[in-house]
Amino acid sequence: MKKIIIAVDGFSSCGKSTMAKDLAREIGYAYIDSGAMYRAVTLYCMQNRFFEGDVINIAQLEASINKIQITFIPNAETNNSETYLNGVNVEREIRTMEVANKVSLVSAIPIVRHALVANQQAMGAQKGIVMDGRDIGTAVFPTAELKIFVTASAQVRAERRVAELVAKGDPVSFEAVLENVKSRDHMDTTRTESPLRKADDALELDNSNLTIAEQKAWLLAQYHRVISNLPS
């Protein structure tokens, strides 16, 4: 059976990673979390003190960009891919609110996007992948056979994010998370470099009121529709 590229874009905390990961597992594709790559670069910048408040030292970042190596390695117990930064597992560290509050600043920097987009395109050279992010269907894989654009209300997304963080033992206030969601939406959609937008040929999925089962059924239906229409 021919393999395709599935691009899943959308707003922060709308469940893109969960759905993309589950879809990849269901159809036997590789899963790439592009958002984790930007979070890893952000963590690197924080660890190396490139930030002064919300201002990043671009010169330091440019001098270090080729030293930042990001890989995904399956967890032996869960079989889920986890993010490694220069050989160190940083899956937990990149999911904190501290990183979330700065990742949109880093992802707007052209040299960061150019470097990571090149890595992402190399990962998808053989197809058979599901990749989620902000610009997968518009900048990374504009010719992807299946593009999904996911959205949900800011309120719902904030509630989901709070539940996720609390479950990991990282208590946060709903107000702080909601403000972060809205702030990231604004930065992601208004940045100059590869802003978040729905590709013209993407299918929109508002999952505000969908169950996981309903969402999964919809995604699988779209995948099988595209596969069945591929030329033999």
C-alpha atoms as a PDB file:
ATOM      1  CA  MET A   1       0.000   0.000   0.000  1.00  0.00           C
ATOM      2  CA  LYS A   2       1.276   3.459  -0.867  1.00  0.00           C
ATOM      3  CA  LYS A   3       2.195   5.709   2.023  1.00  0.00           C
ATOM      4  CA  ILE A   4       1.279   9.359   2.411  1.00  0.00           C
ATOM      5  CA  ILE A   5       2.147  12.366   4.534  1.00  0.00           C
ATOM      6  CA  ILE A   6      -0.512  13.503   6.998  1.00  0.00           C
ATOM      7  CA  ALA A   7      -0.128  17.096   8.204  1.00  0.00           C
ATOM      8  CA  VAL A   8      -2.002  18.098  11.344  1.00  0.00           C
ATOM      9  CA  ASP A   9      -1.968  21.827  12.127  1.00  0.00           C
ATOM     10  CA  GLY A  10      -3.890  23.926  14.588  1.00  0.00           C
ATOM     11  CA  PHE A  11      -3.952  26.052  17.698  1.00  0.00           C
ATOM     12  CA  SER A  12      -2.111  25.266  20.923  1.00  0.00           C
ATOM     13  CA  SER A  13      -3.676  22.809  23.365  1.00  0.00           C
ATOM     14  CA  CYS A  14      -6.349  21.591  20.961  1.00  0.00           C
ATOM     15  CA  GLY A  15      -5.187  17.985  21.168  1.00  0.00           C
ATOM     16  CA  LYS A  16      -3.188  17.851  17.928  1.00  0.00           C
ATOM     17  CA  SER A  17      -0.384  15.767  19.363  1.00  0.00           C
ATOM     18  CA  THR A  18      -2.684  13.258  21.036  1.00  0.00           C
ATOM     19  CA  MET A  19      -4.774  12.711  17.907  1.00  0.00           C
ATOM     20  CA  ALA A  20      -1.775  12.628  15.569  1.00  0.00           C
ATOM     21  CA  LYS A  21       0.065  10.173  17.796  1.00  0.00           C
ATOM     22  CA  ASP A  22      -2.982   7.908  18.059  1.00  0.00           C
ATOM     23  CA  LEU A  23      -3.620   8.034  14.307  1.00  0.00           C
ATOM     24  CA  ALA A  24       0.002   7.172  13.548  1.00  0.00           C
ATOM     25  CA  ARG A  25      -0.141   4.190  15.892  1.00  0.00           C
ATOM     26  CA  GLU A  26      -3.432   3.006  14.365  1.00  0.00           C
ATOM     27  CA  ILE A  27      -2.183   3.049  10.757  1.00  0.00           C
ATOM     28  CA  GLY A  28       1.436   2.061  11.441  1.00  0.00           C
ATOM     29  CA  TYR A  29       3.028   5.413  10.554  1.00  0.00           C
ATOM     30  CA  ALA A  30       5.835   7.295  12.271  1.00  0.00           C
ATOM     31  CA  TYR A  31       4.755  10.231  14.428  1.00  0.00           C
ATOM     32  CA  ILE A  32       6.702  13.501  14.599  1.00  0.00           C
ATOM     33  CA  ASP A  33       5.805  16.195  17.140  1.00  0.00           C
ATOM     34  CA  SER A  34       7.167  19.361  15.514  1.00  0.00           C
ATOM     35  CA  GLY A  35       5.972  21.453  18.453  1.00  0.00           C
ATOM     36  CA  ALA A  36       8.270  19.463  20.734  1.00  0.00           C
ATOM     37  CA  MET A  37      11.180  20.478  18.511  1.00  0.00           C
ATOM     38  CA  TYR A  38      10.435  24.188  19.014  1.00  0.00           C
ATOM     39  CA  ARG A  39       9.962  23.591  22.731  1.00  0.00           C
ATOM     40  CA  ALA A  40      13.345  21.843  22.863  1.00  0.00           C
ATOM     41  CA  VAL A  41      15.048  24.822  21.202  1.00  0.00           C
ATOM     42  CA  THR A  42      13.280  27.099  23.689  1.00  0.00           C
ATOM     43  CA  LEU A  43      14.510  24.977  26.598  1.00  0.00           C
ATOM     44  CA  TYR A  44      18.051  25.142  25.183  1.00  0.00           C
ATOM     45  CA  CYS A  45      17.820  28.940  25.069  1.00  0.00           C
ATOM     46  CA  MET A  46      16.588  29.047  28.665  1.00  0.00           C
ATOM     47  CA  GLN A  47      19.284  26.665  29.891  1.00  0.00           C
ATOM     48  CA  ASN A  48      21.977  28.742  28.217  1.00  0.00           C
ATOM     49  CA  ARG A  49      20.557  32.074  29.417  1.00  0.00           C
ATOM     50  CA  PHE A  50      19.812  33.504  25.986  1.00  0.00           C
ATOM     51  CA  PHE A  51      16.746  35.253  27.448  1.00  0.00           C
ATOM     52  CA  GLU A  52      16.614  38.588  29.211  1.00  0.00           C
ATOM     53  CA  GLY A  53      12.984  38.645  30.270  1.00  0.00           C
ATOM     54  CA  ASP A  54      11.059  38.102  27.034  1.00  0.00           C
ATOM     55  CA  VAL A  55      13.918  39.316  24.849  1.00  0.00           C
ATOM     56  CA  ILE A  56      16.146  36.686  23.284  1.00  0.00           C
ATOM     57  CA  ASN A  57      19.761  37.211  22.247  1.00  0.00           C
ATOM     58  CA  ILE A  58      19.492  36.415  18.542  1.00  0.00           C
ATOM     59  CA  ALA A  59      23.273  36.479  18.007  1.00  0.00           C
ATOM     60  CA  GLN A  60      23.821  33.802  20.668  1.00  0.00           C
ATOM     61  CA  LEU A  61      21.044  31.663  19.213  1.00  0.00           C
ATOM     62  CA  GLU A  62      22.387  31.968  15.661  1.00  0.00           C
ATOM     63  CA  ALA A  63      25.858  30.933  16.873  1.00  0.00           C
ATOM     64  CA  SER A  64      24.410  27.865  18.607  1.00  0.00           C
ATOM     65  CA  ILE A  65      21.676  26.652  16.248  1.00  0.00           C
ATOM     66  CA  ASN A  66      23.868  23.977  14.654  1.00  0.00           C
ATOM     67  CA  LYS A  67      24.747  22.623  18.103  1.00  0.00           C
ATOM     68  CA  ILE A  68      21.118  21.853  18.907  1.00  0.00           C
ATOM     69  CA  GLN A  69      20.350  18.225  18.082  1.00  0.00           C
ATOM     70  CA  ILE A  70      16.776  17.015  18.551  1.00  0.00           C
ATOM     71  CA  THR A  71      15.797  13.368  18.260  1.00  0.00           C
ATOM     72  CA  PHE A  72      12.773  11.232  19.104  1.00  0.00           C
ATOM     73  CA  ILE A  73      13.297   7.902  20.856  1.00  0.00           C
ATOM     74  CA  PRO A  74      10.491   5.489  21.827  1.00  0.00           C
ATOM     75  CA  ASN A  75       9.959   4.907  25.529  1.00  0.00           C
ATOM     76  CA  ALA A  76      10.533   1.188  26.155  1.00  0.00           C
ATOM     77  CA  GLU A  77       7.539   0.960  28.512  1.00  0.00           C
ATOM     78  CA  THR A  78       4.941   3.097  26.703  1.00  0.00           C
ATOM     79  CA  ASN A  79       6.326   2.857  23.150  1.00  0.00           C
ATOM     80  CA  ASN A  80       5.593   6.582  22.815  1.00  0.00           C
ATOM     81  CA  SER A  81       8.282   8.741  21.230  1.00  0.00           C
ATOM     82  CA  GLU A  82       9.998  11.072  23.674  1.00  0.00           C
ATOM     83  CA  THR A  83      12.030  14.176  22.907  1.00  0.00           C
ATOM     84  CA  TYR A  84      15.792  14.232  23.395  1.00  0.00           C
ATOM     85  CA  LEU A  85      17.863  17.413  23.350  1.00  0.00           C
ATOM     86  CA  ASN A  86      21.534  16.733  22.624  1.00  0.00           C
ATOM     87  CA  GLY A  87      21.127  13.193  23.903  1.00  0.00           C
ATOM     88  CA  VAL A  88      19.177  14.051  27.069  1.00  0.00           C
ATOM     89  CA  ASN A  89      15.511  13.150  27.573  1.00  0.00           C
ATOM     90  CA  VAL A  90      13.678  16.470  28.045  1.00  0.00           C
ATOM     91  CA  GLU A  91      10.097  15.293  27.474  1.00  0.00           C
ATOM     92  CA  ARG A  92       8.929  16.488  30.883  1.00  0.00           C
ATOM     93  CA  GLU A  93      10.943  19.736  30.909  1.00  0.00           C
ATOM     94  CA  ILE A  94       9.592  20.973  27.573  1.00  0.00           C
ATOM     95  CA  ARG A  95       5.953  20.626  28.722  1.00  0.00           C
ATOM     96  CA  THR A  96       6.210  23.149  31.567  1.00  0.00           C
ATOM     97  CA  MET A  97       4.465  26.526  31.615  1.00  0.00           C
ATOM     98  CA  GLU A  98       7.869  28.245  31.681  1.00  0.00           C
ATOM     99  CA  VAL A  99       8.673  26.813  28.265  1.00  0.00           C
ATOM    100  CA  ALA A 100       5.104  27.341  27.015  1.00  0.00           C
ATOM    101  CA  ASN A 101       5.339  31.036  27.853  1.00  0.00           C
ATOM    102  CA  LYS A 102       8.400  31.514  25.631  1.00  0.00           C
ATOM    103  CA  VAL A 103       8.069  28.982  22.809  1.00  0.00           C
ATOM    104  CA  SER A 104       6.107  31.300  20.516  1.00  0.00           C
ATOM    105  CA  LEU A 105       8.900  33.885  20.831  1.00  0.00           C
ATOM    106  CA  VAL A 106      11.496  31.342  19.718  1.00  0.00           C
ATOM    107  CA  SER A 107       9.365  29.786  16.975  1.00  0.00           C
ATOM    108  CA  ALA A 108       8.942  33.194  15.319  1.00  0.00           C
ATOM    109  CA  ILE A 109      12.696  33.526  14.699  1.00  0.00           C
ATOM    110  CA  PRO A 110      13.507  32.807  11.013  1.00  0.00           C
ATOM    111  CA  ILE A 111      16.765  30.911  11.597  1.00  0.00           C
ATOM    112  CA  VAL A 112      15.004  28.563  14.012  1.00  0.00           C
ATOM    113  CA  ARG A 113      12.154  27.852  11.629  1.00  0.00           C
ATOM    114  CA  HIS A 114      14.486  27.330   8.678  1.00  0.00           C
ATOM    115  CA  ALA A 115      16.647  24.864  10.608  1.00  0.00           C
ATOM    116  CA  LEU A 116      13.743  22.857  12.005  1.00  0.00           C
ATOM    117  CA  VAL A 117      11.738  22.847   8.772  1.00  0.00           C
ATOM    118  CA  ALA A 118      14.755  21.348   6.981  1.00  0.00           C
ATOM    119  CA  ASN A 119      14.973  18.635   9.669  1.00  0.00           C
ATOM    120  CA  GLN A 120      11.252  17.935   9.453  1.00  0.00           C
ATOM    121  CA  GLN A 121      11.315  17.653   5.664  1.00  0.00           C
ATOM    122  CA  ALA A 122      14.187  15.178   5.909  1.00  0.00           C
ATOM    123  CA  MET A 123      12.166  13.106   8.391  1.00  0.00           C
ATOM    124  CA  GLY A 124       9.290  12.908   5.911  1.00  0.00           C
ATOM    125  CA  ALA A 125      11.321  12.141   2.803  1.00  0.00           C
ATOM    126  CA  GLN A 126      10.098   8.513   2.695  1.00  0.00           C
ATOM    127  CA  LYS A 127       6.487   9.438   3.620  1.00  0.00           C
ATOM    128  CA  GLY A 128       4.512   7.235   5.980  1.00  0.00           C
ATOM    129  CA  ILE A 129       4.451   9.902   8.700  1.00  0.00           C
ATOM    130  CA  VAL A 130       1.953  11.915  10.715  1.00  0.00           C
ATOM    131  CA  MET A 131       3.391  15.283  11.752  1.00  0.00           C
ATOM    132  CA  ASP A 132       1.651  17.925  13.803  1.00  0.00           C
ATOM    133  CA  GLY A 133       2.466  21.582  14.351  1.00  0.00           C
ATOM    134  CA  ARG A 134       1.607  25.074  13.171  1.00  0.00           C
ATOM    135  CA  ASP A 135       2.876  25.174   9.594  1.00  0.00           C
ATOM    136  CA  ILE A 136       3.124  21.546   8.500  1.00  0.00           C
ATOM    137  CA  GLY A 137       0.514  21.796   5.750  1.00  0.00           C
ATOM    138  CA  THR A 138       1.561  25.272   4.624  1.00  0.00           C
ATOM    139  CA  ALA A 139       5.375  25.417   4.889  1.00  0.00           C
ATOM    140  CA  VAL A 140       6.839  22.012   5.754  1.00  0.00           C
ATOM    141  CA  PHE A 141       4.749  19.718   3.523  1.00  0.00           C
ATOM    142  CA  PRO A 142       2.592  21.924   1.276  1.00  0.00           C
ATOM    143  CA  THR A 143       1.926  18.911  -0.997  1.00  0.00           C
ATOM    144  CA  ALA A 144       0.882  16.543   1.822  1.00  0.00           C
ATOM    145  CA  GLU A 145      -1.866  14.207   0.667  1.00  0.00           C
ATOM    146  CA  LEU A 146      -3.973  14.772   3.800  1.00  0.00           C
ATOM    147  CA  LYS A 147      -4.067  18.023   5.762  1.00  0.00           C
ATOM    148  CA  ILE A 148      -6.085  18.532   8.932  1.00  0.00           C
ATOM    149  CA  PHE A 149      -6.544  21.882  10.671  1.00  0.00           C
ATOM    150  CA  VAL A 150      -7.676  21.469  14.280  1.00  0.00           C
ATOM    151  CA  THR A 151      -9.364  24.103  16.392  1.00  0.00           C
ATOM    152  CA  ALA A 152     -11.347  24.426  19.622  1.00  0.00           C
ATOM    153  CA  SER A 153     -12.465  27.302  21.804  1.00  0.00           C
ATOM    154  CA  ALA A 154      -9.827  28.979  23.992  1.00  0.00           C
ATOM    155  CA  GLN A 155     -11.854  28.039  27.088  1.00  0.00           C
ATOM    156  CA  VAL A 156     -11.912  24.344  26.185  1.00  0.00           C
ATOM    157  CA  ARG A 157      -8.227  24.337  25.294  1.00  0.00           C
ATOM    158  CA  ALA A 158      -7.281  25.970  28.582  1.00  0.00           C
ATOM    159  CA  GLU A 159      -9.338  23.432  30.539  1.00  0.00           C
ATOM    160  CA  ARG A 160      -7.586  20.567  28.739  1.00  0.00           C
ATOM    161  CA  ARG A 161      -4.152  22.067  29.358  1.00  0.00           C
ATOM    162  CA  VAL A 162      -4.839  22.562  33.073  1.00  0.00           C
ATOM    163  CA  ALA A 163      -5.998  18.950  33.420  1.00  0.00           C
ATOM    164  CA  GLU A 164      -2.874  17.712  31.630  1.00  0.00           C
ATOM    165  CA  LEU A 165      -0.497  19.740  33.812  1.00  0.00           C
ATOM    166  CA  VAL A 166      -2.260  18.844  37.062  1.00  0.00           C
ATOM    167  CA  ALA A 167      -2.114  15.161  36.114  1.00  0.00           C
ATOM    168  CA  LYS A 168       1.655  15.531  35.786  1.00  0.00           C
ATOM    169  CA  GLY A 169       1.914  17.086  39.238  1.00  0.00           C
ATOM    170  CA  ASP A 170       2.353  20.636  37.967  1.00  0.00           C
ATOM    171  CA  PRO A 171      -0.509  22.653  39.523  1.00  0.00           C
ATOM    172  CA  VAL A 172      -1.378  25.836  37.632  1.00  0.00           C
ATOM    173  CA  SER A 173      -4.201  28.342  37.668  1.00  0.00           C
ATOM    174  CA  PHE A 174      -6.845  28.264  34.967  1.00  0.00           C
ATOM    175  CA  GLU A 175      -6.523  32.029  34.467  1.00  0.00           C
ATOM    176  CA  ALA A 176      -2.774  31.779  33.816  1.00  0.00           C
ATOM    177  CA  VAL A 177      -3.240  28.966  31.305  1.00  0.00           C
ATOM    178  CA  LEU A 178      -6.096  30.741  29.516  1.00  0.00           C
ATOM    179  CA  GLU A 179      -3.956  33.870  29.190  1.00  0.00           C
ATOM    180  CA  ASN A 180      -1.102  31.750  27.807  1.00  0.00           C
ATOM    181  CA  VAL A 181      -3.424  30.126  25.260  1.00  0.00           C
ATOM    182  CA  LYS A 182      -4.723  33.482  24.041  1.00  0.00           C
ATOM    183  CA  SER A 183      -1.239  34.998  23.940  1.00  0.00           C
ATOM    184  CA  ARG A 184       0.149  32.093  21.922  1.00  0.00           C
ATOM    185  CA  ASP A 185      -2.784  32.270  19.513  1.00  0.00           C
ATOM    186  CA  HIS A 186      -2.005  35.920  18.842  1.00  0.00           C
ATOM    187  CA  MET A 187       1.735  35.376  18.397  1.00  0.00           C
ATOM    188  CA  ASP A 188       1.288  32.268  16.255  1.00  0.00           C
ATOM    189  CA  THR A 189      -1.192  33.868  13.873  1.00  0.00           C
ATOM    190  CA  THR A 190       0.508  37.258  13.522  1.00  0.00           C
ATOM    191  CA  ARG A 191       4.200  36.365  13.278  1.00  0.00           C
ATOM    192  CA  THR A 192       5.951  37.207  10.029  1.00  0.00           C
ATOM    193  CA  GLU A 193       7.663  33.845   9.585  1.00  0.00           C
ATOM    194  CA  SER A 194       5.265  30.989   8.689  1.00  0.00           C
ATOM    195  CA  PRO A 195       2.234  32.195  10.662  1.00  0.00           C
ATOM    196  CA  LEU A 196      -0.386  29.710  11.772  1.00  0.00           C
ATOM    197  CA  ARG A 197      -3.130  29.499   9.165  1.00  0.00           C
ATOM    198  CA  LYS A 198      -5.364  26.885   7.617  1.00  0.00           C
ATOM    199  CA  ALA A 199      -4.045  25.599   4.289  1.00  0.00           C
ATOM    200  CA  ASP A 200      -6.494  26.141   1.442  1.00  0.00           C
ATOM    201  CA  ASP A 201      -6.875  22.383   0.953  1.00  0.00           C
ATOM    202  CA  ALA A 202      -6.966  21.411   4.642  1.00  0.00           C
ATOM    203  CA  LEU A 203      -9.991  19.851   6.319  1.00  0.00           C
ATOM    204  CA  GLU A 204     -11.066  21.750   9.432  1.00  0.00           C
ATOM    205  CA  LEU A 205     -11.869  19.832  12.591  1.00  0.00           C
ATOM    206  CA  ASP A 206     -13.417  21.681  15.537  1.00  0.00           C
ATOM    207  CA  ASN A 207     -13.124  19.173  18.353  1.00  0.00           C
ATOM    208  CA  SER A 208     -14.540  21.380  21.125  1.00  0.00           C
ATOM    209  CA  ASN A 209     -17.458  19.002  21.655  1.00  0.00           C
ATOM    210  CA  LEU A 210     -16.166  15.736  20.197  1.00  0.00           C
ATOM    211  CA  THR A 211     -15.310  12.636  22.186  1.00  0.00           C
ATOM    212  CA  ILE A 212     -11.960  10.943  21.584  1.00  0.00           C
ATOM    213  CA  ALA A 213     -13.798   8.064  19.872  1.00  0.00           C
ATOM    214  CA  GLU A 214     -15.707  10.409  17.539  1.00  0.00           C
ATOM    215  CA  GLN A 215     -12.542  12.265  16.648  1.00  0.00           C
ATOM    216  CA  LYS A 216     -10.642   9.039  15.970  1.00  0.00           C
ATOM    217  CA  ALA A 217     -13.406   7.702  13.741  1.00  0.00           C
ATOM    218  CA  TRP A 218     -13.429  10.939  11.722  1.00  0.00           C
ATOM    219  CA  LEU A 219      -9.648  10.931  11.268  1.00  0.00           C
ATOM    220  CA  LEU A 220      -9.567   7.292  10.176  1.00  0.00           C
ATOM    221  CA  ALA A 221     -12.360   7.937   7.692  1.00  0.00           C
ATOM    222  CA  GLN A 222     -10.367  10.791   6.127  1.00  0.00           C
ATOM    223  CA  TYR A 223      -7.225   8.651   5.938  1.00  0.00           C
ATOM    224  CA  HIS A 224      -9.025   5.734   4.252  1.00  0.00           C
ATOM    225  CA  ARG A 225     -10.745   8.121   1.841  1.00  0.00           C
ATOM    226  CA  VAL A 226      -7.432   9.570   0.687  1.00  0.00           C
ATOM    227  CA  ILE A 227      -5.722   6.181   0.466  1.00  0.00           C
ATOM    228  CA  SER A 228      -8.575   4.705  -1.565  1.00  0.00           C
ATOM    229  CA  ASN A 229      -8.367   7.571  -4.071  1.00  0.00           C
ATOM    230  CA  LEU A 230      -4.623   7.309  -4.696  1.00  0.00           C
ATOM    231  CA  PRO A 231      -3.666   6.253  -8.226  1.00  0.00           C
ATOM    232  CA  SER A 232      -2.598   2.640  -8.389  1.00  0.00           C
END
